[in-house]
Amino acid sequence: MNVQIQSVKFDADKRLIEFVEAKMAKLDRFADRSTGAEVILKLDKDHEKGNKFATITLRMPGEDMVATEQAKTFEEAVDEAIDALKRQVDKAKGKAEK
């Protein structure tokens, strides 16, 4: 899967990019029909809930699936967004089987 990673308001270090790529590779096995993905990592000013946002757009034939999560670390936000996408993919597969 072709994954584009974008960091907004900061420069993502190599370790974070490798983490995102590894997680997206696992998602690729789960979402076998995906044609690509876009990951946007963004810093915000709200330190109370966590100031790190991860938005993942999964390109699928027919429709795109999007998940946005907020957390105290980018790794946590990416994990939660991928979990949300897995639920969306499961739901879409369930509908397709009916």
N, C-alpha and C. Protein backbone atom coordinates (compact mmCIF):
# COMPACT_ATOMS: atom_id res chain seq x y z
N MET A 1 0.85 -1.18 0.00
CA MET A 1 0.00 0.00 0.00
C MET A 1 0.89 1.24 0.00
N ASN A 2 0.52 2.21 -0.79
CA ASN A 2 1.23 3.48 -0.86
C ASN A 2 0.76 4.37 0.29
N VAL A 3 1.65 4.69 1.22
CA VAL A 3 1.30 5.51 2.38
C VAL A 3 2.04 6.84 2.31
N GLN A 4 1.27 7.93 2.36
CA GLN A 4 1.87 9.27 2.40
C GLN A 4 1.74 9.79 3.83
N ILE A 5 2.85 10.25 4.39
CA ILE A 5 2.85 10.76 5.76
C ILE A 5 3.18 12.24 5.73
N GLN A 6 2.31 13.02 6.38
CA GLN A 6 2.47 14.46 6.42
C GLN A 6 2.53 14.90 7.88
N SER A 7 3.45 15.78 8.24
CA SER A 7 3.48 16.32 9.60
C SER A 7 3.24 17.83 9.52
N VAL A 8 2.29 18.30 10.32
CA VAL A 8 1.89 19.70 10.29
C VAL A 8 2.38 20.38 11.57
N LYS A 9 3.03 21.51 11.43
CA LYS A 9 3.54 22.32 12.54
C LYS A 9 4.71 21.68 13.29
N PHE A 10 5.32 20.65 12.74
CA PHE A 10 6.52 20.06 13.32
C PHE A 10 7.17 19.15 12.29
N ASP A 11 8.40 18.75 12.55
CA ASP A 11 9.10 17.80 11.68
C ASP A 11 9.11 16.44 12.36
N ALA A 12 8.50 15.46 11.74
CA ALA A 12 8.45 14.11 12.30
C ALA A 12 9.84 13.48 12.23
N ASP A 13 10.27 12.86 13.33
CA ASP A 13 11.58 12.21 13.32
C ASP A 13 11.46 10.84 12.64
N LYS A 14 12.60 10.27 12.34
CA LYS A 14 12.66 9.01 11.59
C LYS A 14 11.95 7.88 12.33
N ARG A 15 12.09 7.85 13.67
CA ARG A 15 11.48 6.80 14.48
C ARG A 15 9.95 6.83 14.38
N LEU A 16 9.38 8.04 14.41
CA LEU A 16 7.92 8.18 14.32
C LEU A 16 7.43 7.75 12.94
N ILE A 17 8.14 8.13 11.90
CA ILE A 17 7.75 7.74 10.53
C ILE A 17 7.82 6.22 10.37
N GLU A 18 8.86 5.60 10.91
CA GLU A 18 8.98 4.14 10.82
C GLU A 18 7.87 3.45 11.60
N PHE A 19 7.49 4.01 12.76
CA PHE A 19 6.38 3.47 13.56
C PHE A 19 5.08 3.50 12.75
N VAL A 20 4.79 4.65 12.13
CA VAL A 20 3.56 4.80 11.34
C VAL A 20 3.57 3.83 10.17
N GLU A 21 4.70 3.71 9.47
CA GLU A 21 4.79 2.80 8.33
C GLU A 21 4.57 1.35 8.75
N ALA A 22 5.12 0.96 9.90
CA ALA A 22 4.94 -0.42 10.38
C ALA A 22 3.48 -0.69 10.72
N LYS A 23 2.83 0.26 11.37
CA LYS A 23 1.41 0.10 11.73
C LYS A 23 0.54 0.05 10.48
N MET A 24 0.85 0.87 9.49
CA MET A 24 0.07 0.90 8.26
C MET A 24 0.26 -0.39 7.47
N ALA A 25 1.44 -1.00 7.55
CA ALA A 25 1.69 -2.27 6.87
C ALA A 25 0.79 -3.35 7.46
N LYS A 26 0.62 -3.34 8.78
CA LYS A 26 -0.28 -4.31 9.43
C LYS A 26 -1.72 -4.06 9.00
N LEU A 27 -2.11 -2.80 8.90
CA LEU A 27 -3.48 -2.46 8.48
C LEU A 27 -3.71 -2.91 7.04
N ASP A 28 -2.67 -2.85 6.21
CA ASP A 28 -2.78 -3.25 4.81
C ASP A 28 -3.20 -4.71 4.68
N ARG A 29 -2.70 -5.56 5.56
CA ARG A 29 -3.10 -6.98 5.54
C ARG A 29 -4.57 -7.13 5.90
N PHE A 30 -5.06 -6.26 6.75
CA PHE A 30 -6.44 -6.31 7.22
C PHE A 30 -7.40 -5.73 6.17
N ALA A 31 -6.99 -4.61 5.57
CA ALA A 31 -7.81 -3.93 4.56
C ALA A 31 -7.23 -4.26 3.19
N ASP A 32 -7.50 -5.45 2.72
CA ASP A 32 -6.85 -5.95 1.50
C ASP A 32 -7.26 -5.22 0.22
N ARG A 33 -8.40 -4.52 0.22
CA ARG A 33 -8.83 -3.82 -0.99
C ARG A 33 -8.34 -2.39 -1.06
N SER A 34 -7.60 -1.93 -0.07
CA SER A 34 -7.18 -0.53 -0.05
C SER A 34 -6.19 -0.24 -1.17
N THR A 35 -6.29 0.98 -1.70
CA THR A 35 -5.41 1.38 -2.80
C THR A 35 -4.32 2.33 -2.33
N GLY A 36 -4.45 2.83 -1.11
CA GLY A 36 -3.46 3.75 -0.57
C GLY A 36 -3.96 4.39 0.70
N ALA A 37 -3.10 5.16 1.33
CA ALA A 37 -3.48 5.82 2.58
C ALA A 37 -2.70 7.12 2.75
N GLU A 38 -3.31 8.01 3.51
CA GLU A 38 -2.67 9.28 3.83
C GLU A 38 -2.74 9.46 5.34
N VAL A 39 -1.61 9.73 5.96
CA VAL A 39 -1.54 9.93 7.40
C VAL A 39 -1.10 11.37 7.65
N ILE A 40 -1.92 12.10 8.41
CA ILE A 40 -1.59 13.49 8.75
C ILE A 40 -1.39 13.57 10.26
N LEU A 41 -0.20 13.94 10.68
CA LEU A 41 0.13 14.11 12.09
C LEU A 41 0.19 15.61 12.36
N LYS A 42 -0.56 16.05 13.38
CA LYS A 42 -0.67 17.49 13.61
C LYS A 42 -0.54 17.82 15.09
N LEU A 43 0.17 18.89 15.40
CA LEU A 43 0.28 19.40 16.76
C LEU A 43 -0.78 20.46 16.98
N ASP A 44 -1.37 20.47 18.19
CA ASP A 44 -2.37 21.46 18.53
C ASP A 44 -1.97 22.12 19.84
N LYS A 45 -2.70 23.13 20.27
CA LYS A 45 -2.35 23.85 21.49
C LYS A 45 -3.02 23.29 22.74
N ASP A 46 -4.02 22.43 22.60
CA ASP A 46 -4.77 21.91 23.75
C ASP A 46 -3.97 20.82 24.47
N HIS A 47 -3.33 21.19 25.59
CA HIS A 47 -2.51 20.23 26.34
C HIS A 47 -3.34 19.40 27.32
N GLU A 48 -4.58 19.78 27.58
CA GLU A 48 -5.42 19.07 28.54
C GLU A 48 -5.71 17.64 28.08
N LYS A 49 -6.30 17.49 26.91
CA LYS A 49 -6.67 16.17 26.39
C LYS A 49 -5.50 15.50 25.68
N GLY A 50 -4.53 16.25 25.32
CA GLY A 50 -3.43 15.75 24.49
C GLY A 50 -3.38 16.62 23.25
N ASN A 51 -2.20 17.04 22.86
CA ASN A 51 -2.11 18.00 21.76
C ASN A 51 -1.66 17.36 20.45
N LYS A 52 -1.74 16.05 20.35
CA LYS A 52 -1.29 15.37 19.14
C LYS A 52 -2.48 14.72 18.44
N PHE A 53 -2.62 15.02 17.16
CA PHE A 53 -3.71 14.49 16.35
C PHE A 53 -3.15 13.60 15.25
N ALA A 54 -3.85 12.51 14.98
CA ALA A 54 -3.53 11.66 13.84
C ALA A 54 -4.80 11.48 13.02
N THR A 55 -4.74 11.84 11.76
CA THR A 55 -5.85 11.63 10.84
C THR A 55 -5.37 10.68 9.76
N ILE A 56 -6.06 9.55 9.63
CA ILE A 56 -5.69 8.56 8.62
C ILE A 56 -6.84 8.42 7.64
N THR A 57 -6.53 8.59 6.37
CA THR A 57 -7.51 8.40 5.30
C THR A 57 -7.10 7.14 4.54
N LEU A 58 -8.00 6.17 4.53
CA LEU A 58 -7.74 4.90 3.85
C LEU A 58 -8.51 4.91 2.53
N ARG A 59 -7.80 4.86 1.42
CA ARG A 59 -8.43 4.89 0.10
C ARG A 59 -8.95 3.49 -0.25
N MET A 60 -10.26 3.40 -0.44
CA MET A 60 -10.90 2.13 -0.78
C MET A 60 -11.71 2.34 -2.06
N PRO A 61 -11.86 1.28 -2.87
CA PRO A 61 -12.71 1.41 -4.05
C PRO A 61 -14.14 1.76 -3.62
N GLY A 62 -14.68 2.81 -4.17
CA GLY A 62 -16.04 3.19 -3.84
C GLY A 62 -16.12 4.28 -2.79
N GLU A 63 -15.33 4.18 -1.72
CA GLU A 63 -15.37 5.22 -0.69
C GLU A 63 -14.07 5.23 0.11
N ASP A 64 -13.77 6.39 0.65
CA ASP A 64 -12.60 6.52 1.52
C ASP A 64 -13.06 6.40 2.97
N MET A 65 -12.21 5.84 3.80
CA MET A 65 -12.51 5.74 5.22
C MET A 65 -11.55 6.65 5.97
N VAL A 66 -12.09 7.42 6.91
CA VAL A 66 -11.28 8.40 7.63
C VAL A 66 -11.45 8.21 9.12
N ALA A 67 -10.34 8.31 9.86
CA ALA A 67 -10.38 8.27 11.32
C ALA A 67 -9.44 9.34 11.85
N THR A 68 -9.93 10.12 12.81
CA THR A 68 -9.11 11.15 13.46
C THR A 68 -9.13 10.89 14.96
N GLU A 69 -7.96 10.86 15.54
CA GLU A 69 -7.85 10.63 16.99
C GLU A 69 -6.91 11.65 17.61
N GLN A 70 -7.17 11.95 18.89
CA GLN A 70 -6.37 12.89 19.66
C GLN A 70 -5.81 12.17 20.87
N ALA A 71 -4.54 12.39 21.17
CA ALA A 71 -3.91 11.73 22.31
C ALA A 71 -2.71 12.55 22.79
N LYS A 72 -2.07 12.05 23.84
CA LYS A 72 -0.89 12.73 24.39
C LYS A 72 0.38 12.40 23.61
N THR A 73 0.38 11.28 22.85
CA THR A 73 1.52 10.94 22.00
C THR A 73 1.01 10.60 20.61
N PHE A 74 1.87 10.80 19.61
CA PHE A 74 1.48 10.46 18.24
C PHE A 74 1.26 8.95 18.10
N GLU A 75 2.10 8.16 18.79
CA GLU A 75 1.96 6.71 18.69
C GLU A 75 0.58 6.26 19.16
N GLU A 76 0.13 6.82 20.29
CA GLU A 76 -1.18 6.48 20.83
C GLU A 76 -2.30 6.92 19.88
N ALA A 77 -2.18 8.12 19.32
CA ALA A 77 -3.18 8.64 18.39
C ALA A 77 -3.25 7.77 17.13
N VAL A 78 -2.09 7.35 16.62
CA VAL A 78 -2.06 6.51 15.42
C VAL A 78 -2.69 5.14 15.72
N ASP A 79 -2.35 4.55 16.88
CA ASP A 79 -2.94 3.26 17.27
C ASP A 79 -4.46 3.35 17.33
N GLU A 80 -4.98 4.40 17.98
CA GLU A 80 -6.43 4.55 18.12
C GLU A 80 -7.10 4.77 16.76
N ALA A 81 -6.46 5.55 15.89
CA ALA A 81 -7.03 5.80 14.56
C ALA A 81 -7.06 4.51 13.74
N ILE A 82 -6.01 3.70 13.84
CA ILE A 82 -5.97 2.43 13.11
C ILE A 82 -7.05 1.48 13.64
N ASP A 83 -7.24 1.45 14.97
CA ASP A 83 -8.32 0.63 15.54
C ASP A 83 -9.68 1.07 15.01
N ALA A 84 -9.89 2.37 14.92
CA ALA A 84 -11.16 2.89 14.40
C ALA A 84 -11.34 2.49 12.93
N LEU A 85 -10.26 2.54 12.16
CA LEU A 85 -10.34 2.14 10.75
C LEU A 85 -10.63 0.65 10.62
N LYS A 86 -10.05 -0.17 11.50
CA LYS A 86 -10.33 -1.61 11.46
C LYS A 86 -11.81 -1.87 11.69
N ARG A 87 -12.41 -1.14 12.64
CA ARG A 87 -13.85 -1.29 12.89
C ARG A 87 -14.66 -0.89 11.66
N GLN A 88 -14.24 0.20 11.00
CA GLN A 88 -14.94 0.65 9.79
C GLN A 88 -14.83 -0.39 8.68
N VAL A 89 -13.64 -0.97 8.51
CA VAL A 89 -13.43 -1.99 7.48
C VAL A 89 -14.28 -3.22 7.79
N ASP A 90 -14.30 -3.64 9.06
CA ASP A 90 -15.14 -4.77 9.48
C ASP A 90 -16.61 -4.53 9.15
N LYS A 91 -17.07 -3.32 9.45
CA LYS A 91 -18.47 -2.97 9.20
C LYS A 91 -18.77 -3.00 7.69
N ALA A 92 -17.83 -2.48 6.89
CA ALA A 92 -18.02 -2.47 5.44
C ALA A 92 -18.02 -3.91 4.88
N LYS A 93 -17.15 -4.75 5.43
CA LYS A 93 -17.12 -6.15 4.98
C LYS A 93 -18.41 -6.85 5.36
N GLY A 94 -18.94 -6.56 6.53
CA GLY A 94 -20.21 -7.15 6.97
C GLY A 94 -21.36 -6.75 6.06
N LYS A 95 -21.39 -5.47 5.66
CA LYS A 95 -22.43 -5.00 4.76
C LYS A 95 -22.29 -5.64 3.38
N ALA A 96 -21.07 -5.83 2.92
CA ALA A 96 -20.83 -6.39 1.59
C ALA A 96 -21.25 -7.86 1.54
N GLU A 97 -21.15 -8.56 2.68
CA GLU A 97 -21.51 -9.98 2.70
C GLU A 97 -23.01 -10.19 2.71
N LYS A 98 -23.77 -9.19 3.15
CA LYS A 98 -25.24 -9.35 3.23
C LYS A 98 -25.90 -9.24 1.89
